[in-house]
Amino acid sequence: MDFSVSYEEGLDVVSGKIEGDLTVEIAAEYFAKVGEVASKRGCERVLTDVRNAKLMASEEAMLALSQKLNAIGMESNLRRAIVLHDDVKGYKIWENCCFRQGHTRIKLFYDQLKALDWLGSN
Protein backbone atom coordinates (compact mmCIF):
# COMPACT_ATOMS: atom_id res chain seq x y z
CA MET A 1 0.00 0.00 0.00
CA ASP A 2 1.26 3.40 -0.88
CA PHE A 3 -0.67 6.64 -0.86
CA SER A 4 0.02 10.30 -0.31
CA VAL A 5 -2.23 13.27 0.37
CA SER A 6 -1.25 16.93 0.26
CA TYR A 7 -2.77 20.36 -0.22
CA GLU A 8 -1.75 22.19 -3.41
CA GLU A 9 -2.06 25.82 -2.33
CA GLY A 10 -1.63 27.36 -5.78
CA LEU A 11 -4.47 25.23 -7.15
CA ASP A 12 -6.57 25.14 -3.95
CA VAL A 13 -6.89 21.37 -4.38
CA VAL A 14 -6.36 18.44 -2.05
CA SER A 15 -4.20 16.14 -4.13
CA GLY A 16 -3.82 12.43 -3.53
CA LYS A 17 -2.09 9.54 -5.19
CA ILE A 18 -2.57 5.82 -4.62
CA GLU A 19 -0.21 3.16 -5.99
CA GLY A 20 -0.26 -0.63 -5.81
CA ASP A 21 -3.20 -2.73 -4.66
CA LEU A 22 -6.21 -0.59 -3.82
CA THR A 23 -8.41 -2.40 -1.31
CA VAL A 24 -11.39 -0.95 0.57
CA GLU A 25 -9.25 -0.83 3.73
CA ILE A 26 -6.62 1.29 1.99
CA ALA A 27 -9.33 3.43 0.41
CA ALA A 28 -10.90 4.04 3.84
CA GLU A 29 -7.52 5.20 5.23
CA TYR A 30 -7.00 7.40 2.18
CA PHE A 31 -10.47 8.97 2.45
CA ALA A 32 -9.98 9.67 6.16
CA LYS A 33 -6.73 11.52 5.38
CA VAL A 34 -8.29 13.43 2.46
CA GLY A 35 -11.23 14.45 4.63
CA GLU A 36 -8.87 15.63 7.36
CA VAL A 37 -6.77 17.75 4.97
CA ALA A 38 -9.85 19.13 3.17
CA SER A 39 -11.46 20.12 6.46
CA LYS A 40 -8.27 21.68 7.83
CA ARG A 41 -7.74 23.73 4.65
CA GLY A 42 -11.40 24.55 3.99
CA CYS A 43 -11.01 23.04 0.53
CA GLU A 44 -13.82 21.31 -1.36
CA ARG A 45 -11.82 20.13 -4.40
CA VAL A 46 -10.05 16.76 -4.46
CA LEU A 47 -7.87 15.26 -7.18
CA THR A 48 -7.10 11.55 -6.80
CA ASP A 49 -4.56 9.85 -9.07
CA VAL A 50 -5.05 6.08 -9.26
CA ARG A 51 -3.21 5.52 -12.55
CA ASN A 52 -0.69 3.25 -10.81
CA ALA A 53 -3.20 1.47 -8.58
CA LYS A 54 -4.96 -1.84 -9.09
CA LEU A 55 -8.54 -1.83 -7.82
CA MET A 56 -9.03 -4.88 -5.59
CA ALA A 57 -12.57 -4.51 -4.23
CA SER A 58 -15.89 -6.20 -4.83
CA GLU A 59 -19.01 -4.23 -5.66
CA GLU A 60 -20.44 -5.15 -2.25
CA ALA A 61 -17.34 -3.83 -0.47
CA MET A 62 -17.43 -0.60 -2.49
CA LEU A 63 -21.10 -0.09 -1.63
CA ALA A 64 -20.39 -0.64 2.06
CA LEU A 65 -17.51 1.87 1.98
CA SER A 66 -19.60 4.45 0.11
CA GLN A 67 -22.15 4.25 2.93
CA LYS A 68 -19.41 5.17 5.46
CA LEU A 69 -17.85 8.12 3.60
CA ASN A 70 -19.46 10.86 5.70
CA ALA A 71 -18.56 9.07 8.92
CA ILE A 72 -14.86 8.91 7.97
CA GLY A 73 -14.67 12.57 6.96
CA MET A 74 -15.51 12.63 3.25
CA GLU A 75 -18.34 15.15 3.13
CA SER A 76 -20.75 14.97 0.20
CA ASN A 77 -20.02 18.58 -0.77
CA LEU A 78 -16.49 17.65 -1.93
CA ARG A 79 -15.91 17.89 -5.68
CA ARG A 80 -13.81 14.82 -6.50
CA ALA A 81 -11.94 14.05 -9.73
CA ILE A 82 -10.42 10.59 -10.12
CA VAL A 83 -7.67 10.18 -12.72
CA LEU A 84 -7.33 6.59 -13.88
CA HIS A 85 -5.44 4.54 -16.42
CA ASP A 86 -7.79 1.62 -16.99
CA ASP A 87 -10.40 -0.51 -15.20
CA VAL A 88 -13.02 2.08 -15.94
CA LYS A 89 -15.68 -0.54 -15.15
CA GLY A 90 -14.51 -0.94 -11.55
CA TYR A 91 -14.25 2.79 -10.96
CA LYS A 92 -17.62 3.37 -12.64
CA ILE A 93 -19.12 0.98 -10.06
CA TRP A 94 -17.44 3.08 -7.33
CA GLU A 95 -18.78 6.30 -8.88
CA ASN A 96 -22.31 4.85 -8.95
CA CYS A 97 -22.05 3.68 -5.32
CA CYS A 98 -21.05 7.22 -4.33
CA PHE A 99 -23.92 8.73 -6.33
CA ARG A 100 -26.43 6.52 -4.53
CA GLN A 101 -25.12 7.84 -1.19
CA GLY A 102 -25.49 11.51 -2.20
CA HIS A 103 -21.86 12.05 -3.27
CA THR A 104 -22.75 13.35 -6.72
CA ARG A 105 -19.80 15.69 -7.28
CA ILE A 106 -17.48 12.94 -8.52
CA LYS A 107 -16.16 12.35 -12.03
CA LEU A 108 -13.69 9.99 -13.74
CA PHE A 109 -10.91 11.17 -16.06
CA TYR A 110 -8.02 9.77 -18.09
CA ASP A 111 -6.37 13.19 -18.42
CA GLN A 112 -5.13 15.01 -15.31
CA LEU A 113 -5.33 18.47 -16.92
CA LYS A 114 -8.98 17.91 -17.85
CA ALA A 115 -9.63 16.77 -14.28
CA LEU A 116 -8.07 19.96 -12.92
CA ASP A 117 -10.11 22.07 -15.37
CA TRP A 118 -13.30 20.36 -14.17
CA LEU A 119 -12.36 20.91 -10.54
CA GLY A 120 -11.87 24.60 -11.22
CA SER A 121 -15.20 25.02 -12.99
CA ASN A 122 -18.52 25.68 -11.31
C-alpha atoms as a PDB file:
ATOM      1  CA  MET A   1       0.000   0.000   0.000  1.00  0.00           C
ATOM      2  CA  ASP A   2       1.262   3.401  -0.880  1.00  0.00           C
ATOM      3  CA  PHE A   3      -0.673   6.641  -0.855  1.00  0.00           C
ATOM      4  CA  SER A   4       0.025  10.297  -0.308  1.00  0.00           C
ATOM      5  CA  VAL A   5      -2.230  13.274   0.373  1.00  0.00           C
ATOM      6  CA  SER A   6      -1.248  16.931   0.256  1.00  0.00           C
ATOM      7  CA  TYR A   7      -2.774  20.364  -0.216  1.00  0.00           C
ATOM      8  CA  GLU A   8      -1.755  22.190  -3.405  1.00  0.00           C
ATOM      9  CA  GLU A   9      -2.055  25.821  -2.329  1.00  0.00           C
ATOM     10  CA  GLY A  10      -1.629  27.361  -5.780  1.00  0.00           C
ATOM     11  CA  LEU A  11      -4.474  25.235  -7.146  1.00  0.00           C
ATOM     12  CA  ASP A  12      -6.571  25.142  -3.950  1.00  0.00           C
ATOM     13  CA  VAL A  13      -6.886  21.373  -4.381  1.00  0.00           C
ATOM     14  CA  VAL A  14      -6.360  18.436  -2.052  1.00  0.00           C
ATOM     15  CA  SER A  15      -4.195  16.143  -4.135  1.00  0.00           C
ATOM     16  CA  GLY A  16      -3.816  12.434  -3.525  1.00  0.00           C
ATOM     17  CA  LYS A  17      -2.091   9.537  -5.192  1.00  0.00           C
ATOM     18  CA  ILE A  18      -2.566   5.815  -4.623  1.00  0.00           C
ATOM     19  CA  GLU A  19      -0.210   3.161  -5.990  1.00  0.00           C
ATOM     20  CA  GLY A  20      -0.256  -0.629  -5.809  1.00  0.00           C
ATOM     21  CA  ASP A  21      -3.200  -2.730  -4.663  1.00  0.00           C
ATOM     22  CA  LEU A  22      -6.207  -0.589  -3.817  1.00  0.00           C
ATOM     23  CA  THR A  23      -8.412  -2.395  -1.307  1.00  0.00           C
ATOM     24  CA  VAL A  24     -11.389  -0.947   0.567  1.00  0.00           C
ATOM     25  CA  GLU A  25      -9.247  -0.829   3.725  1.00  0.00           C
ATOM     26  CA  ILE A  26      -6.622   1.293   1.987  1.00  0.00           C
ATOM     27  CA  ALA A  27      -9.335   3.430   0.409  1.00  0.00           C
ATOM     28  CA  ALA A  28     -10.897   4.041   3.843  1.00  0.00           C
ATOM     29  CA  GLU A  29      -7.525   5.199   5.231  1.00  0.00           C
ATOM     30  CA  TYR A  30      -7.000   7.398   2.180  1.00  0.00           C
ATOM     31  CA  PHE A  31     -10.473   8.972   2.450  1.00  0.00           C
ATOM     32  CA  ALA A  32      -9.982   9.668   6.157  1.00  0.00           C
ATOM     33  CA  LYS A  33      -6.728  11.520   5.376  1.00  0.00           C
ATOM     34  CA  VAL A  34      -8.291  13.427   2.456  1.00  0.00           C
ATOM     35  CA  GLY A  35     -11.233  14.446   4.635  1.00  0.00           C
ATOM     36  CA  GLU A  36      -8.871  15.628   7.362  1.00  0.00           C
ATOM     37  CA  VAL A  37      -6.774  17.749   4.967  1.00  0.00           C
ATOM     38  CA  ALA A  38      -9.846  19.133   3.166  1.00  0.00           C
ATOM     39  CA  SER A  39     -11.459  20.125   6.465  1.00  0.00           C
ATOM     40  CA  LYS A  40      -8.275  21.679   7.830  1.00  0.00           C
ATOM     41  CA  ARG A  41      -7.739  23.729   4.648  1.00  0.00           C
ATOM     42  CA  GLY A  42     -11.395  24.550   3.988  1.00  0.00           C
ATOM     43  CA  CYS A  43     -11.014  23.038   0.529  1.00  0.00           C
ATOM     44  CA  GLU A  44     -13.822  21.306  -1.360  1.00  0.00           C
ATOM     45  CA  ARG A  45     -11.818  20.126  -4.399  1.00  0.00           C
ATOM     46  CA  VAL A  46     -10.048  16.762  -4.457  1.00  0.00           C
ATOM     47  CA  LEU A  47      -7.874  15.262  -7.183  1.00  0.00           C
ATOM     48  CA  THR A  48      -7.101  11.550  -6.797  1.00  0.00           C
ATOM     49  CA  ASP A  49      -4.562   9.850  -9.065  1.00  0.00           C
ATOM     50  CA  VAL A  50      -5.045   6.077  -9.258  1.00  0.00           C
ATOM     51  CA  ARG A  51      -3.211   5.522 -12.551  1.00  0.00           C
ATOM     52  CA  ASN A  52      -0.691   3.245 -10.808  1.00  0.00           C
ATOM     53  CA  ALA A  53      -3.195   1.465  -8.578  1.00  0.00           C
ATOM     54  CA  LYS A  54      -4.965  -1.844  -9.094  1.00  0.00           C
ATOM     55  CA  LEU A  55      -8.541  -1.826  -7.817  1.00  0.00           C
ATOM     56  CA  MET A  56      -9.031  -4.883  -5.589  1.00  0.00           C
ATOM     57  CA  ALA A  57     -12.568  -4.515  -4.231  1.00  0.00           C
ATOM     58  CA  SER A  58     -15.894  -6.198  -4.829  1.00  0.00           C
ATOM     59  CA  GLU A  59     -19.013  -4.228  -5.665  1.00  0.00           C
ATOM     60  CA  GLU A  60     -20.439  -5.147  -2.248  1.00  0.00           C
ATOM     61  CA  ALA A  61     -17.337  -3.828  -0.473  1.00  0.00           C
ATOM     62  CA  MET A  62     -17.429  -0.599  -2.494  1.00  0.00           C
ATOM     63  CA  LEU A  63     -21.097  -0.087  -1.629  1.00  0.00           C
ATOM     64  CA  ALA A  64     -20.387  -0.639   2.063  1.00  0.00           C
ATOM     65  CA  LEU A  65     -17.514   1.870   1.977  1.00  0.00           C
ATOM     66  CA  SER A  66     -19.598   4.451   0.109  1.00  0.00           C
ATOM     67  CA  GLN A  67     -22.145   4.253   2.934  1.00  0.00           C
ATOM     68  CA  LYS A  68     -19.411   5.173   5.460  1.00  0.00           C
ATOM     69  CA  LEU A  69     -17.851   8.124   3.600  1.00  0.00           C
ATOM     70  CA  ASN A  70     -19.464  10.860   5.696  1.00  0.00           C
ATOM     71  CA  ALA A  71     -18.557   9.068   8.922  1.00  0.00           C
ATOM     72  CA  ILE A  72     -14.859   8.910   7.969  1.00  0.00           C
ATOM     73  CA  GLY A  73     -14.673  12.572   6.964  1.00  0.00           C
ATOM     74  CA  MET A  74     -15.509  12.625   3.247  1.00  0.00           C
ATOM     75  CA  GLU A  75     -18.338  15.149   3.127  1.00  0.00           C
ATOM     76  CA  SER A  76     -20.753  14.967   0.201  1.00  0.00           C
ATOM     77  CA  ASN A  77     -20.016  18.578  -0.774  1.00  0.00           C
ATOM     78  CA  LEU A  78     -16.491  17.653  -1.928  1.00  0.00           C
ATOM     79  CA  ARG A  79     -15.911  17.895  -5.679  1.00  0.00           C
ATOM     80  CA  ARG A  80     -13.805  14.816  -6.505  1.00  0.00           C
ATOM     81  CA  ALA A  81     -11.942  14.046  -9.727  1.00  0.00           C
ATOM     82  CA  ILE A  82     -10.418  10.595 -10.125  1.00  0.00           C
ATOM     83  CA  VAL A  83      -7.666  10.183 -12.721  1.00  0.00           C
ATOM     84  CA  LEU A  84      -7.330   6.595 -13.877  1.00  0.00           C
ATOM     85  CA  HIS A  85      -5.445   4.543 -16.420  1.00  0.00           C
ATOM     86  CA  ASP A  86      -7.791   1.624 -16.992  1.00  0.00           C
ATOM     87  CA  ASP A  87     -10.400  -0.507 -15.205  1.00  0.00           C
ATOM     88  CA  VAL A  88     -13.025   2.084 -15.940  1.00  0.00           C
ATOM     89  CA  LYS A  89     -15.685  -0.542 -15.154  1.00  0.00           C
ATOM     90  CA  GLY A  90     -14.509  -0.944 -11.547  1.00  0.00           C
ATOM     91  CA  TYR A  91     -14.249   2.794 -10.957  1.00  0.00           C
ATOM     92  CA  LYS A  92     -17.625   3.367 -12.640  1.00  0.00           C
ATOM     93  CA  ILE A  93     -19.119   0.985 -10.065  1.00  0.00           C
ATOM     94  CA  TRP A  94     -17.442   3.084  -7.334  1.00  0.00           C
ATOM     95  CA  GLU A  95     -18.776   6.298  -8.878  1.00  0.00           C
ATOM     96  CA  ASN A  96     -22.314   4.848  -8.954  1.00  0.00           C
ATOM     97  CA  CYS A  97     -22.054   3.684  -5.322  1.00  0.00           C
ATOM     98  CA  CYS A  98     -21.052   7.220  -4.331  1.00  0.00           C
ATOM     99  CA  PHE A  99     -23.921   8.734  -6.332  1.00  0.00           C
ATOM    100  CA  ARG A 100     -26.425   6.519  -4.527  1.00  0.00           C
ATOM    101  CA  GLN A 101     -25.122   7.841  -1.194  1.00  0.00           C
ATOM    102  CA  GLY A 102     -25.489  11.512  -2.204  1.00  0.00           C
ATOM    103  CA  HIS A 103     -21.859  12.047  -3.266  1.00  0.00           C
ATOM    104  CA  THR A 104     -22.753  13.353  -6.717  1.00  0.00           C
ATOM    105  CA  ARG A 105     -19.799  15.688  -7.283  1.00  0.00           C
ATOM    106  CA  ILE A 106     -17.476  12.936  -8.518  1.00  0.00           C
ATOM    107  CA  LYS A 107     -16.159  12.355 -12.029  1.00  0.00           C
ATOM    108  CA  LEU A 108     -13.689   9.990 -13.735  1.00  0.00           C
ATOM    109  CA  PHE A 109     -10.912  11.171 -16.061  1.00  0.00           C
ATOM    110  CA  TYR A 110      -8.021   9.772 -18.090  1.00  0.00           C
ATOM    111  CA  ASP A 111      -6.367  13.191 -18.416  1.00  0.00           C
ATOM    112  CA  GLN A 112      -5.134  15.010 -15.308  1.00  0.00           C
ATOM    113  CA  LEU A 113      -5.331  18.469 -16.921  1.00  0.00           C
ATOM    114  CA  LYS A 114      -8.982  17.912 -17.846  1.00  0.00           C
ATOM    115  CA  ALA A 115      -9.630  16.771 -14.278  1.00  0.00           C
ATOM    116  CA  LEU A 116      -8.066  19.955 -12.922  1.00  0.00           C
ATOM    117  CA  ASP A 117     -10.108  22.068 -15.367  1.00  0.00           C
ATOM    118  CA  TRP A 118     -13.302  20.360 -14.170  1.00  0.00           C
ATOM    119  CA  LEU A 119     -12.359  20.911 -10.542  1.00  0.00           C
ATOM    120  CA  GLY A 120     -11.869  24.603 -11.225  1.00  0.00           C
ATOM    121  CA  SER A 121     -15.204  25.024 -12.993  1.00  0.00           C
ATOM    122  CA  ASN A 122     -18.522  25.678 -11.310  1.00  0.00           C
END
